[in-house]
């Protein structure tokens, strides 16, 4: 049984584990693309880069990461990954907290008009 793939304008994600205490996703971001600058009230996230190069904005600070790097995103921290490489950026996102619904996304900036 394969997990459903959800396509987004910036790439896609696939839920690979869903439990009441965690949710794990494979995130793929196309070259030059990025999801919205956002935050969550009910979860924190741990990202592990497995392919590509990322520029990550966390609370208005810019960081750069590559394969094998781990990024911790606390609850309510504003965050946005961007693929700055020529190939797909792929990372594993581990969500920890009390709720993992997509409606716990507060978008601050979004180039796809989803605010």
PDB file of N, CA and C in Angstrom:
ATOM      1  N   UNK A   1       0.842  -1.185   0.000  1.00  0.00           N
ATOM      2  CA  UNK A   1       0.000   0.000   0.000  1.00  0.00           C
ATOM      3  C   UNK A   1       0.887   1.248   0.000  1.00  0.00           C
ATOM      4  N   UNK A   2       0.701   2.113  -0.981  1.00  0.00           N
ATOM      5  CA  UNK A   2       1.533   3.306  -1.052  1.00  0.00           C
ATOM      6  C   UNK A   2       0.769   4.506  -0.498  1.00  0.00           C
ATOM      7  N   UNK A   3       1.511   5.444   0.061  1.00  0.00           N
ATOM      8  CA  UNK A   3       0.910   6.636   0.646  1.00  0.00           C
ATOM      9  C   UNK A   3       0.519   7.612  -0.457  1.00  0.00           C
ATOM     10  N   UNK A   4      -0.558   8.336  -0.218  1.00  0.00           N
ATOM     11  CA  UNK A   4      -1.054   9.311  -1.177  1.00  0.00           C
ATOM     12  C   UNK A   4      -0.054  10.442  -1.374  1.00  0.00           C
ATOM     13  N   UNK A   5       0.118  10.844  -2.627  1.00  0.00           N
ATOM     14  CA  UNK A   5       0.967  11.985  -2.962  1.00  0.00           C
ATOM     15  C   UNK A   5       0.062  13.195  -3.162  1.00  0.00           C
ATOM     16  N   UNK A   6       0.413  14.309  -2.525  1.00  0.00           N
ATOM     17  CA  UNK A   6      -0.350  15.553  -2.646  1.00  0.00           C
ATOM     18  C   UNK A   6       0.504  16.541  -3.431  1.00  0.00           C
ATOM     19  N   UNK A   7      -0.002  16.964  -4.588  1.00  0.00           N
ATOM     20  CA  UNK A   7       0.745  17.897  -5.432  1.00  0.00           C
ATOM     21  C   UNK A   7       0.410  19.332  -5.054  1.00  0.00           C
ATOM     22  N   UNK A   8       1.446  20.152  -5.018  1.00  0.00           N
ATOM     23  CA  UNK A   8       1.339  21.570  -4.690  1.00  0.00           C
ATOM     24  C   UNK A   8       2.012  22.360  -5.811  1.00  0.00           C
ATOM     25  N   UNK A   9       1.770  23.678  -5.911  1.00  0.00           N
ATOM     26  CA  UNK A   9       2.416  24.449  -6.982  1.00  0.00           C
ATOM     27  C   UNK A   9       3.942  24.464  -6.884  1.00  0.00           C
ATOM     28  N   UNK A  10       4.486  24.242  -5.689  1.00  0.00           N
ATOM     29  CA  UNK A  10       5.940  24.252  -5.468  1.00  0.00           C
ATOM     30  C   UNK A  10       6.566  22.858  -5.567  1.00  0.00           C
ATOM     31  N   UNK A  11       5.764  21.805  -5.622  1.00  0.00           N
ATOM     32  CA  UNK A  11       6.288  20.428  -5.649  1.00  0.00           C
ATOM     33  C   UNK A  11       5.253  19.441  -5.165  1.00  0.00           C
ATOM     34  N   UNK A  12       5.594  18.645  -4.138  1.00  0.00           N
ATOM     35  CA  UNK A  12       4.661  17.659  -3.607  1.00  0.00           C
ATOM     36  C   UNK A  12       5.076  17.210  -2.226  1.00  0.00           C
ATOM     37  N   UNK A  13       4.132  16.538  -1.525  1.00  0.00           N
ATOM     38  CA  UNK A  13       4.494  15.843  -0.294  1.00  0.00           C
ATOM     39  C   UNK A  13       3.756  14.521  -0.244  1.00  0.00           C
ATOM     40  N   UNK A  14       4.319  13.620   0.523  1.00  0.00           N
ATOM     41  CA  UNK A  14       3.753  12.283   0.692  1.00  0.00           C
ATOM     42  C   UNK A  14       3.794  11.931   2.172  1.00  0.00           C
ATOM     43  N   UNK A  15       2.635  11.610   2.750  1.00  0.00           N
ATOM     44  CA  UNK A  15       2.596  11.150   4.132  1.00  0.00           C
ATOM     45  C   UNK A  15       3.144   9.733   4.177  1.00  0.00           C
ATOM     46  N   UNK A  16       4.198   9.522   4.958  1.00  0.00           N
ATOM     47  CA  UNK A  16       4.790   8.186   5.023  1.00  0.00           C
ATOM     48  C   UNK A  16       4.570   7.516   6.377  1.00  0.00           C
ATOM     49  N   UNK A  17       4.112   8.278   7.378  1.00  0.00           N
ATOM     50  CA  UNK A  17       3.752   7.704   8.683  1.00  0.00           C
ATOM     51  C   UNK A  17       2.774   8.653   9.339  1.00  0.00           C
ATOM     52  N   UNK A  18       1.676   8.109   9.835  1.00  0.00           N
ATOM     53  CA  UNK A  18       0.685   8.937  10.518  1.00  0.00           C
ATOM     54  C   UNK A  18       0.204   8.193  11.755  1.00  0.00           C
ATOM     55  N   UNK A  19       0.566   8.731  12.918  1.00  0.00           N
ATOM     56  CA  UNK A  19       0.168   8.170  14.212  1.00  0.00           C
ATOM     57  C   UNK A  19      -0.441   9.303  15.026  1.00  0.00           C
ATOM     58  N   UNK A  20      -1.052   9.000  16.158  1.00  0.00           N
ATOM     59  CA  UNK A  20      -1.638  10.080  16.958  1.00  0.00           C
ATOM     60  C   UNK A  20      -0.575  10.972  17.588  1.00  0.00           C
ATOM     61  N   UNK A  21       0.663  10.489  17.700  1.00  0.00           N
ATOM     62  CA  UNK A  21       1.745  11.239  18.344  1.00  0.00           C
ATOM     63  C   UNK A  21       2.746  11.852  17.369  1.00  0.00           C
ATOM     64  N   UNK A  22       2.642  11.493  16.075  1.00  0.00           N
ATOM     65  CA  UNK A  22       3.577  12.032  15.079  1.00  0.00           C
ATOM     66  C   UNK A  22       3.002  11.870  13.678  1.00  0.00           C
ATOM     67  N   UNK A  23       3.524  12.678  12.767  1.00  0.00           N
ATOM     68  CA  UNK A  23       3.270  12.492  11.350  1.00  0.00           C
ATOM     69  C   UNK A  23       4.596  12.728  10.634  1.00  0.00           C
ATOM     70  N   UNK A  24       4.903  11.892   9.652  1.00  0.00           N
ATOM     71  CA  UNK A  24       6.159  12.002   8.912  1.00  0.00           C
ATOM     72  C   UNK A  24       5.830  12.135   7.433  1.00  0.00           C
ATOM     73  N   UNK A  25       6.456  13.127   6.789  1.00  0.00           N
ATOM     74  CA  UNK A  25       6.218  13.391   5.373  1.00  0.00           C
ATOM     75  C   UNK A  25       7.527  13.416   4.604  1.00  0.00           C
ATOM     76  N   UNK A  26       7.455  12.997   3.361  1.00  0.00           N
ATOM     77  CA  UNK A  26       8.523  13.234   2.395  1.00  0.00           C
ATOM     78  C   UNK A  26       8.087  14.481   1.626  1.00  0.00           C
ATOM     79  N   UNK A  27       8.939  15.505   1.626  1.00  0.00           N
ATOM     80  CA  UNK A  27       8.647  16.773   0.956  1.00  0.00           C
ATOM     81  C   UNK A  27       9.597  16.914  -0.232  1.00  0.00           C
ATOM     82  N   UNK A  28       9.060  17.243  -1.398  1.00  0.00           N
ATOM     83  CA  UNK A  28       9.869  17.478  -2.594  1.00  0.00           C
ATOM     84  C   UNK A  28       9.544  18.878  -3.106  1.00  0.00           C
ATOM     85  N   UNK A  29      10.572  19.732  -3.200  1.00  0.00           N
ATOM     86  CA  UNK A  29      10.396  21.095  -3.681  1.00  0.00           C
ATOM     87  C   UNK A  29      11.181  21.252  -4.984  1.00  0.00           C
ATOM     88  N   UNK A  30      10.485  21.727  -6.015  1.00  0.00           N
ATOM     89  CA  UNK A  30      11.106  21.921  -7.321  1.00  0.00           C
ATOM     90  C   UNK A  30      12.140  23.049  -7.277  1.00  0.00           C
ATOM     91  N   UNK A  31      13.083  22.998  -8.195  1.00  0.00           N
ATOM     92  CA  UNK A  31      14.145  24.006  -8.285  1.00  0.00           C
ATOM     93  C   UNK A  31      13.558  25.415  -8.352  1.00  0.00           C
ATOM     94  N   UNK A  32      14.076  26.299  -7.489  1.00  0.00           N
ATOM     95  CA  UNK A  32      13.642  27.687  -7.469  1.00  0.00           C
ATOM     96  C   UNK A  32      12.327  27.944  -6.743  1.00  0.00           C
ATOM     97  N   UNK A  33      11.690  26.907  -6.243  1.00  0.00           N
ATOM     98  CA  UNK A  33      10.375  27.054  -5.624  1.00  0.00           C
ATOM     99  C   UNK A  33      10.450  27.012  -4.100  1.00  0.00           C
ATOM    100  N   UNK A  34       9.342  27.431  -3.463  1.00  0.00           N
ATOM    101  CA  UNK A  34       9.251  27.387  -2.010  1.00  0.00           C
ATOM    102  C   UNK A  34       7.789  27.414  -1.582  1.00  0.00           C
ATOM    103  N   UNK A  35       7.457  26.667  -0.514  1.00  0.00           N
ATOM    104  CA  UNK A  35       6.127  26.813   0.085  1.00  0.00           C
ATOM    105  C   UNK A  35       6.013  28.185   0.748  1.00  0.00           C
ATOM    106  N   UNK A  36       4.876  28.458   1.335  1.00  0.00           N
ATOM    107  CA  UNK A  36       4.654  29.753   1.979  1.00  0.00           C
ATOM    108  C   UNK A  36       5.521  29.928   3.228  1.00  0.00           C
ATOM    109  N   UNK A  37       5.725  31.195   3.597  1.00  0.00           N
ATOM    110  CA  UNK A  37       6.349  31.545   4.878  1.00  0.00           C
ATOM    111  C   UNK A  37       5.230  31.410   5.894  1.00  0.00           C
ATOM    112  N   UNK A  38       5.381  30.503   6.868  1.00  0.00           N
ATOM    113  CA  UNK A  38       4.267  30.081   7.693  1.00  0.00           C
ATOM    114  C   UNK A  38       4.712  29.689   9.090  1.00  0.00           C
ATOM    115  N   UNK A  39       3.719  29.426   9.947  1.00  0.00           N
ATOM    116  CA  UNK A  39       3.992  28.856  11.262  1.00  0.00           C
ATOM    117  C   UNK A  39       2.807  28.013  11.708  1.00  0.00           C
ATOM    118  N   UNK A  40       3.027  27.260  12.799  1.00  0.00           N
ATOM    119  CA  UNK A  40       2.016  26.344  13.338  1.00  0.00           C
ATOM    120  C   UNK A  40       1.869  26.574  14.836  1.00  0.00           C
ATOM    121  N   UNK A  41       0.658  26.457  15.346  1.00  0.00           N
ATOM    122  CA  UNK A  41       0.398  26.592  16.779  1.00  0.00           C
ATOM    123  C   UNK A  41       0.539  25.269  17.526  1.00  0.00           C
ATOM    124  N   UNK A  42       0.299  24.146  16.841  1.00  0.00           N
ATOM    125  CA  UNK A  42       0.138  22.880  17.551  1.00  0.00           C
ATOM    126  C   UNK A  42       1.213  21.840  17.258  1.00  0.00           C
ATOM    127  N   UNK A  43       2.225  22.197  16.496  1.00  0.00           N
ATOM    128  CA  UNK A  43       3.276  21.222  16.204  1.00  0.00           C
ATOM    129  C   UNK A  43       4.619  21.891  16.003  1.00  0.00           C
ATOM    130  N   UNK A  44       5.668  21.109  16.280  1.00  0.00           N
ATOM    131  CA  UNK A  44       7.028  21.479  15.908  1.00  0.00           C
ATOM    132  C   UNK A  44       7.459  20.499  14.835  1.00  0.00           C
ATOM    133  N   UNK A  45       8.519  20.845  14.119  1.00  0.00           N
ATOM    134  CA  UNK A  45       8.969  20.001  13.018  1.00  0.00           C
ATOM    135  C   UNK A  45      10.477  19.815  13.068  1.00  0.00           C
ATOM    136  N   UNK A  46      10.903  18.644  12.611  1.00  0.00           N
ATOM    137  CA  UNK A  46      12.321  18.340  12.415  1.00  0.00           C
ATOM    138  C   UNK A  46      12.459  17.945  10.951  1.00  0.00           C
ATOM    139  N   UNK A  47      13.337  18.613  10.241  1.00  0.00           N
ATOM    140  CA  UNK A  47      13.571  18.327   8.828  1.00  0.00           C
ATOM    141  C   UNK A  47      14.953  17.714   8.667  1.00  0.00           C
ATOM    142  N   UNK A  48      15.051  16.682   7.841  1.00  0.00           N
ATOM    143  CA  UNK A  48      16.338  16.086   7.477  1.00  0.00           C
ATOM    144  C   UNK A  48      16.468  16.164   5.956  1.00  0.00           C
ATOM    145  N   UNK A  49      17.476  16.902   5.494  1.00  0.00           N
ATOM    146  CA  UNK A  49      17.706  17.051   4.055  1.00  0.00           C
ATOM    147  C   UNK A  49      18.331  15.766   3.523  1.00  0.00           C
ATOM    148  N   UNK A  50      17.695  15.161   2.521  1.00  0.00           N
ATOM    149  CA  UNK A  50      18.231  13.925   1.938  1.00  0.00           C
ATOM    150  C   UNK A  50      18.681  14.101   0.491  1.00  0.00           C
ATOM    151  N   UNK A  51      18.284  15.230  -0.149  1.00  0.00           N
ATOM    152  CA  UNK A  51      18.733  15.512  -1.516  1.00  0.00           C
ATOM    153  C   UNK A  51      18.614  17.003  -1.768  1.00  0.00           C
ATOM    154  N   UNK A  52      19.648  17.578  -2.368  1.00  0.00           N
ATOM    155  CA  UNK A  52      19.574  18.968  -2.787  1.00  0.00           C
ATOM    156  C   UNK A  52      20.134  19.956  -1.780  1.00  0.00           C
ATOM    157  N   UNK A  53      19.862  21.227  -2.065  1.00  0.00           N
ATOM    158  CA  UNK A  53      20.369  22.338  -1.265  1.00  0.00           C
ATOM    159  C   UNK A  53      19.206  23.260  -0.912  1.00  0.00           C
ATOM    160  N   UNK A  54      19.124  23.633   0.366  1.00  0.00           N
ATOM    161  CA  UNK A  54      18.011  24.459   0.836  1.00  0.00           C
ATOM    162  C   UNK A  54      18.493  25.777   1.413  1.00  0.00           C
ATOM    163  N   UNK A  55      17.731  26.802   1.143  1.00  0.00           N
ATOM    164  CA  UNK A  55      17.826  28.053   1.886  1.00  0.00           C
ATOM    165  C   UNK A  55      16.580  28.067   2.762  1.00  0.00           C
ATOM    166  N   UNK A  56      16.765  28.233   4.067  1.00  0.00           N
ATOM    167  CA  UNK A  56      15.635  28.182   4.990  1.00  0.00           C
ATOM    168  C   UNK A  56      15.564  29.491   5.759  1.00  0.00           C
ATOM    169  N   UNK A  57      14.389  30.107   5.700  1.00  0.00           N
ATOM    170  CA  UNK A  57      14.133  31.317   6.490  1.00  0.00           C
ATOM    171  C   UNK A  57      13.414  30.881   7.761  1.00  0.00           C
ATOM    172  N   UNK A  58      14.000  31.205   8.924  1.00  0.00           N
ATOM    173  CA  UNK A  58      13.400  30.915  10.226  1.00  0.00           C
ATOM    174  C   UNK A  58      13.370  32.229  11.004  1.00  0.00           C
ATOM    175  N   UNK A  59      12.153  32.698  11.315  1.00  0.00           N
ATOM    176  CA  UNK A  59      11.981  33.973  12.028  1.00  0.00           C
ATOM    177  C   UNK A  59      12.829  35.084  11.412  1.00  0.00           C
ATOM    178  N   UNK A  60      12.750  35.201  10.090  1.00  0.00           N
ATOM    179  CA  UNK A  60      13.407  36.254   9.295  1.00  0.00           C
ATOM    180  C   UNK A  60      14.929  36.128   9.201  1.00  0.00           C
ATOM    181  N   UNK A  61      15.523  35.054   9.704  1.00  0.00           N
ATOM    182  CA  UNK A  61      16.957  34.775   9.518  1.00  0.00           C
ATOM    183  C   UNK A  61      17.106  33.742   8.406  1.00  0.00           C
ATOM    184  N   UNK A  62      18.142  33.878   7.584  1.00  0.00           N
ATOM    185  CA  UNK A  62      18.378  32.980   6.456  1.00  0.00           C
ATOM    186  C   UNK A  62      19.523  32.026   6.778  1.00  0.00           C
ATOM    187  N   UNK A  63      19.297  30.721   6.528  1.00  0.00           N
ATOM    188  CA  UNK A  63      20.300  29.679   6.749  1.00  0.00           C
ATOM    189  C   UNK A  63      20.394  28.830   5.482  1.00  0.00           C
ATOM    190  N   UNK A  64      21.532  28.133   5.314  1.00  0.00           N
ATOM    191  CA  UNK A  64      21.728  27.244   4.168  1.00  0.00           C
ATOM    192  C   UNK A  64      22.045  25.834   4.657  1.00  0.00           C
ATOM    193  N   UNK A  65      21.433  24.845   3.996  1.00  0.00           N
ATOM    194  CA  UNK A  65      21.579  23.454   4.414  1.00  0.00           C
ATOM    195  C   UNK A  65      21.755  22.557   3.198  1.00  0.00           C
ATOM    196  N   UNK A  66      22.412  21.412   3.435  1.00  0.00           N
ATOM    197  CA  UNK A  66      22.601  20.410   2.390  1.00  0.00           C
ATOM    198  C   UNK A  66      22.321  19.017   2.914  1.00  0.00           C
ATOM    199  N   UNK A  67      22.667  18.038   2.127  1.00  0.00           N
ATOM    200  CA  UNK A  67      22.390  16.632   2.435  1.00  0.00           C
ATOM    201  C   UNK A  67      22.940  16.268   3.813  1.00  0.00           C
ATOM    202  N   UNK A  68      22.077  15.643   4.629  1.00  0.00           N
ATOM    203  CA  UNK A  68      22.454  15.196   5.961  1.00  0.00           C
ATOM    204  C   UNK A  68      22.193  16.203   7.064  1.00  0.00           C
ATOM    205  N   UNK A  69      21.891  17.447   6.695  1.00  0.00           N
ATOM    206  CA  UNK A  69      21.623  18.461   7.712  1.00  0.00           C
ATOM    207  C   UNK A  69      20.234  18.271   8.316  1.00  0.00           C
ATOM    208  N   UNK A  70      20.125  18.613   9.597  1.00  0.00           N
ATOM    209  CA  UNK A  70      18.873  18.525  10.344  1.00  0.00           C
ATOM    210  C   UNK A  70      18.499  19.922  10.824  1.00  0.00           C
ATOM    211  N   UNK A  71      17.223  20.265  10.652  1.00  0.00           N
ATOM    212  CA  UNK A  71      16.730  21.592  11.022  1.00  0.00           C
ATOM    213  C   UNK A  71      15.578  21.397  12.005  1.00  0.00           C
ATOM    214  N   UNK A  72      15.602  22.121  13.118  1.00  0.00           N
ATOM    215  CA  UNK A  72      14.526  22.059  14.098  1.00  0.00           C
ATOM    216  C   UNK A  72      13.681  23.327  13.987  1.00  0.00           C
ATOM    217  N   UNK A  73      12.369  23.162  13.833  1.00  0.00           N
ATOM    218  CA  UNK A  73      11.438  24.278  13.728  1.00  0.00           C
ATOM    219  C   UNK A  73      10.514  24.220  14.950  1.00  0.00           C
ATOM    220  N   UNK A  74      10.714  25.090  15.944  1.00  0.00           N
ATOM    221  CA  UNK A  74       9.851  25.081  17.133  1.00  0.00           C
ATOM    222  C   UNK A  74       8.416  25.519  16.798  1.00  0.00           C
ATOM    223  N   UNK A  75       7.471  25.171  17.675  1.00  0.00           N
ATOM    224  CA  UNK A  75       6.100  25.675  17.536  1.00  0.00           C
ATOM    225  C   UNK A  75       6.139  27.196  17.424  1.00  0.00           C
ATOM    226  N   UNK A  76       5.316  27.711  16.532  1.00  0.00           N
ATOM    227  CA  UNK A  76       5.135  29.144  16.304  1.00  0.00           C
ATOM    228  C   UNK A  76       6.335  29.854  15.686  1.00  0.00           C
ATOM    229  N   UNK A  77       7.399  29.125  15.351  1.00  0.00           N
ATOM    230  CA  UNK A  77       8.518  29.739  14.620  1.00  0.00           C
ATOM    231  C   UNK A  77       8.102  29.897  13.155  1.00  0.00           C
ATOM    232  N   UNK A  78       8.287  31.082  12.626  1.00  0.00           N
ATOM    233  CA  UNK A  78       7.975  31.321  11.216  1.00  0.00           C
ATOM    234  C   UNK A  78       9.064  30.642  10.381  1.00  0.00           C
ATOM    235  N   UNK A  79       8.655  29.924   9.325  1.00  0.00           N
ATOM    236  CA  UNK A  79       9.641  29.159   8.555  1.00  0.00           C
ATOM    237  C   UNK A  79       9.233  29.015   7.094  1.00  0.00           C
ATOM    238  N   UNK A  80      10.276  28.876   6.252  1.00  0.00           N
ATOM    239  CA  UNK A  80      10.070  28.684   4.813  1.00  0.00           C
ATOM    240  C   UNK A  80      11.314  28.074   4.187  1.00  0.00           C
ATOM    241  N   UNK A  81      11.191  26.860   3.658  1.00  0.00           N
ATOM    242  CA  UNK A  81      12.299  26.295   2.888  1.00  0.00           C
ATOM    243  C   UNK A  81      12.224  26.762   1.436  1.00  0.00           C
ATOM    244  N   UNK A  82      13.382  26.920   0.805  1.00  0.00           N
ATOM    245  CA  UNK A  82      13.441  27.254  -0.614  1.00  0.00           C
ATOM    246  C   UNK A  82      14.501  26.397  -1.270  1.00  0.00           C
ATOM    247  N   UNK A  83      14.183  25.854  -2.433  1.00  0.00           N
ATOM    248  CA  UNK A  83      15.149  25.059  -3.183  1.00  0.00           C
ATOM    249  C   UNK A  83      16.038  26.005  -3.988  1.00  0.00           C
ATOM    250  N   UNK A  84      17.307  26.076  -3.619  1.00  0.00           N
ATOM    251  CA  UNK A  84      18.234  26.958  -4.328  1.00  0.00           C
ATOM    252  C   UNK A  84      19.166  26.188  -5.268  1.00  0.00           C
ATOM    253  N   UNK A  85      18.887  24.879  -5.434  1.00  0.00           N
ATOM    254  CA  UNK A  85      19.695  24.056  -6.340  1.00  0.00           C
ATOM    255  C   UNK A  85      19.014  23.859  -7.684  1.00  0.00           C
ATOM    256  N   UNK A  86      19.691  23.147  -8.572  1.00  0.00           N
ATOM    257  CA  UNK A  86      19.154  22.873  -9.904  1.00  0.00           C
ATOM    258  C   UNK A  86      18.254  21.639  -9.932  1.00  0.00           C
ATOM    259  N   UNK A  87      18.411  20.757  -8.961  1.00  0.00           N
ATOM    260  CA  UNK A  87      17.600  19.539  -8.884  1.00  0.00           C
ATOM    261  C   UNK A  87      16.584  19.674  -7.761  1.00  0.00           C
ATOM    262  N   UNK A  88      15.699  18.684  -7.639  1.00  0.00           N
ATOM    263  CA  UNK A  88      14.712  18.688  -6.565  1.00  0.00           C
ATOM    264  C   UNK A  88      15.383  18.729  -5.199  1.00  0.00           C
ATOM    265  N   UNK A  89      14.771  19.466  -4.290  1.00  0.00           N
ATOM    266  CA  UNK A  89      15.131  19.421  -2.873  1.00  0.00           C
ATOM    267  C   UNK A  89      14.196  18.417  -2.226  1.00  0.00           C
ATOM    268  N   UNK A  90      14.764  17.446  -1.500  1.00  0.00           N
ATOM    269  CA  UNK A  90      13.957  16.428  -0.824  1.00  0.00           C
ATOM    270  C   UNK A  90      14.357  16.404   0.641  1.00  0.00           C
ATOM    271  N   UNK A  91      13.352  16.500   1.521  1.00  0.00           N
ATOM    272  CA  UNK A  91      13.629  16.331   2.937  1.00  0.00           C
ATOM    273  C   UNK A  91      12.508  15.563   3.609  1.00  0.00           C
ATOM    274  N   UNK A  92      12.858  14.945   4.719  1.00  0.00           N
ATOM    275  CA  UNK A  92      11.903  14.218   5.539  1.00  0.00           C
ATOM    276  C   UNK A  92      11.489  15.160   6.665  1.00  0.00           C
ATOM    277  N   UNK A  93      10.190  15.338   6.822  1.00  0.00           N
ATOM    278  CA  UNK A  93       9.646  16.222   7.851  1.00  0.00           C
ATOM    279  C   UNK A  93       8.976  15.372   8.928  1.00  0.00           C
ATOM    280  N   UNK A  94       9.481  15.494  10.144  1.00  0.00           N
ATOM    281  CA  UNK A  94       8.908  14.781  11.289  1.00  0.00           C
ATOM    282  C   UNK A  94       8.142  15.809  12.111  1.00  0.00           C
ATOM    283  N   UNK A  95       6.838  15.616  12.220  1.00  0.00           N
ATOM    284  CA  UNK A  95       5.993  16.532  12.984  1.00  0.00           C
ATOM    285  C   UNK A  95       5.724  15.942  14.361  1.00  0.00           C
ATOM    286  N   UNK A  96       5.924  16.749  15.398  1.00  0.00           N
ATOM    287  CA  UNK A  96       5.682  16.340  16.781  1.00  0.00           C
ATOM    288  C   UNK A  96       4.747  17.364  17.410  1.00  0.00           C
ATOM    289  N   UNK A  97       3.784  16.888  18.203  1.00  0.00           N
ATOM    290  CA  UNK A  97       2.875  17.814  18.858  1.00  0.00           C
ATOM    291  C   UNK A  97       1.543  17.180  19.158  1.00  0.00           C
ATOM    292  N   UNK A  98       0.528  18.016  19.220  1.00  0.00           N
ATOM    293  CA  UNK A  98      -0.795  17.555  19.618  1.00  0.00           C
ATOM    294  C   UNK A  98      -1.770  17.446  18.461  1.00  0.00           C
ATOM    295  N   UNK A  99      -1.415  18.035  17.286  1.00  0.00           N
ATOM    296  CA  UNK A  99      -2.337  18.049  16.147  1.00  0.00           C
ATOM    297  C   UNK A  99      -1.536  18.265  14.875  1.00  0.00           C
ATOM    298  N   UNK A 100      -1.896  17.546  13.794  1.00  0.00           N
ATOM    299  CA  UNK A 100      -1.090  17.578  12.572  1.00  0.00           C
ATOM    300  C   UNK A 100      -1.880  17.956  11.321  1.00  0.00           C
ATOM    301  N   UNK A 101      -3.073  18.506  11.488  1.00  0.00           N
ATOM    302  CA  UNK A 101      -3.906  18.869  10.342  1.00  0.00           C
ATOM    303  C   UNK A 101      -3.333  20.009   9.524  1.00  0.00           C
ATOM    304  N   UNK A 102      -3.661  20.002   8.239  1.00  0.00           N
ATOM    305  CA  UNK A 102      -3.202  21.060   7.336  1.00  0.00           C
ATOM    306  C   UNK A 102      -3.830  22.414   7.685  1.00  0.00           C
ATOM    307  N   UNK A 103      -4.901  22.414   8.494  1.00  0.00           N
ATOM    308  CA  UNK A 103      -5.520  23.684   8.881  1.00  0.00           C
ATOM    309  C   UNK A 103      -4.770  24.371  10.026  1.00  0.00           C
ATOM    310  N   UNK A 104      -3.672  23.771  10.509  1.00  0.00           N
ATOM    311  CA  UNK A 104      -2.803  24.426  11.503  1.00  0.00           C
ATOM    312  C   UNK A 104      -1.620  25.086  10.786  1.00  0.00           C
ATOM    313  N   UNK A 105      -1.918  25.720   9.663  1.00  0.00           N
ATOM    314  CA  UNK A 105      -0.908  26.474   8.905  1.00  0.00           C
ATOM    315  C   UNK A 105      -1.371  27.924   8.855  1.00  0.00           C
ATOM    316  N   UNK A 106      -0.550  28.826   9.391  1.00  0.00           N
ATOM    317  CA  UNK A 106      -0.813  30.260   9.292  1.00  0.00           C
ATOM    318  C   UNK A 106       0.179  30.807   8.274  1.00  0.00           C
ATOM    319  N   UNK A 107      -0.333  31.184   7.107  1.00  0.00           N
ATOM    320  CA  UNK A 107       0.528  31.694   6.043  1.00  0.00           C
ATOM    321  C   UNK A 107       0.730  33.199   6.195  1.00  0.00           C
ATOM    322  N   UNK A 108       1.993  33.618   6.138  1.00  0.00           N
ATOM    323  CA  UNK A 108       2.344  35.033   6.239  1.00  0.00           C
ATOM    324  C   UNK A 108       2.676  35.634   4.877  1.00  0.00           C
ATOM    325  N   UNK A 109       3.346  34.845   4.034  1.00  0.00           N
ATOM    326  CA  UNK A 109       3.701  35.248   2.663  1.00  0.00           C
ATOM    327  C   UNK A 109       3.514  34.022   1.794  1.00  0.00           C
ATOM    328  N   UNK A 110       2.938  34.226   0.587  1.00  0.00           N
ATOM    329  CA  UNK A 110       2.735  33.094  -0.315  1.00  0.00           C
ATOM    330  C   UNK A 110       2.642  33.584  -1.744  1.00  0.00           C
ATOM    331  N   UNK A 111       3.580  33.164  -2.589  1.00  0.00           N
ATOM    332  CA  UNK A 111       3.605  33.644  -3.959  1.00  0.00           C
ATOM    333  C   UNK A 111       2.539  32.980  -4.837  1.00  0.00           C
ATOM    334  N   UNK A 112       1.789  32.033  -4.265  1.00  0.00           N
ATOM    335  CA  UNK A 112       0.743  31.336  -5.011  1.00  0.00           C
ATOM    336  C   UNK A 112      -0.655  31.826  -4.639  1.00  0.00           C
ATOM    337  N   UNK A 113      -0.756  32.937  -3.888  1.00  0.00           N
ATOM    338  CA  UNK A 113      -2.043  33.538  -3.566  1.00  0.00           C
ATOM    339  C   UNK A 113      -2.910  32.752  -2.609  1.00  0.00           C
ATOM    340  N   UNK A 114      -2.293  32.009  -1.678  1.00  0.00           N
ATOM    341  CA  UNK A 114      -3.065  31.176  -0.745  1.00  0.00           C
ATOM    342  C   UNK A 114      -3.242  31.804   0.637  1.00  0.00           C
ATOM    343  N   UNK A 115      -3.045  33.095   0.761  1.00  0.00           N
ATOM    344  CA  UNK A 115      -3.235  33.758   2.060  1.00  0.00           C
ATOM    345  C   UNK A 115      -4.680  34.201   2.176  1.00  0.00           C
TER     346      UNK A 115
END
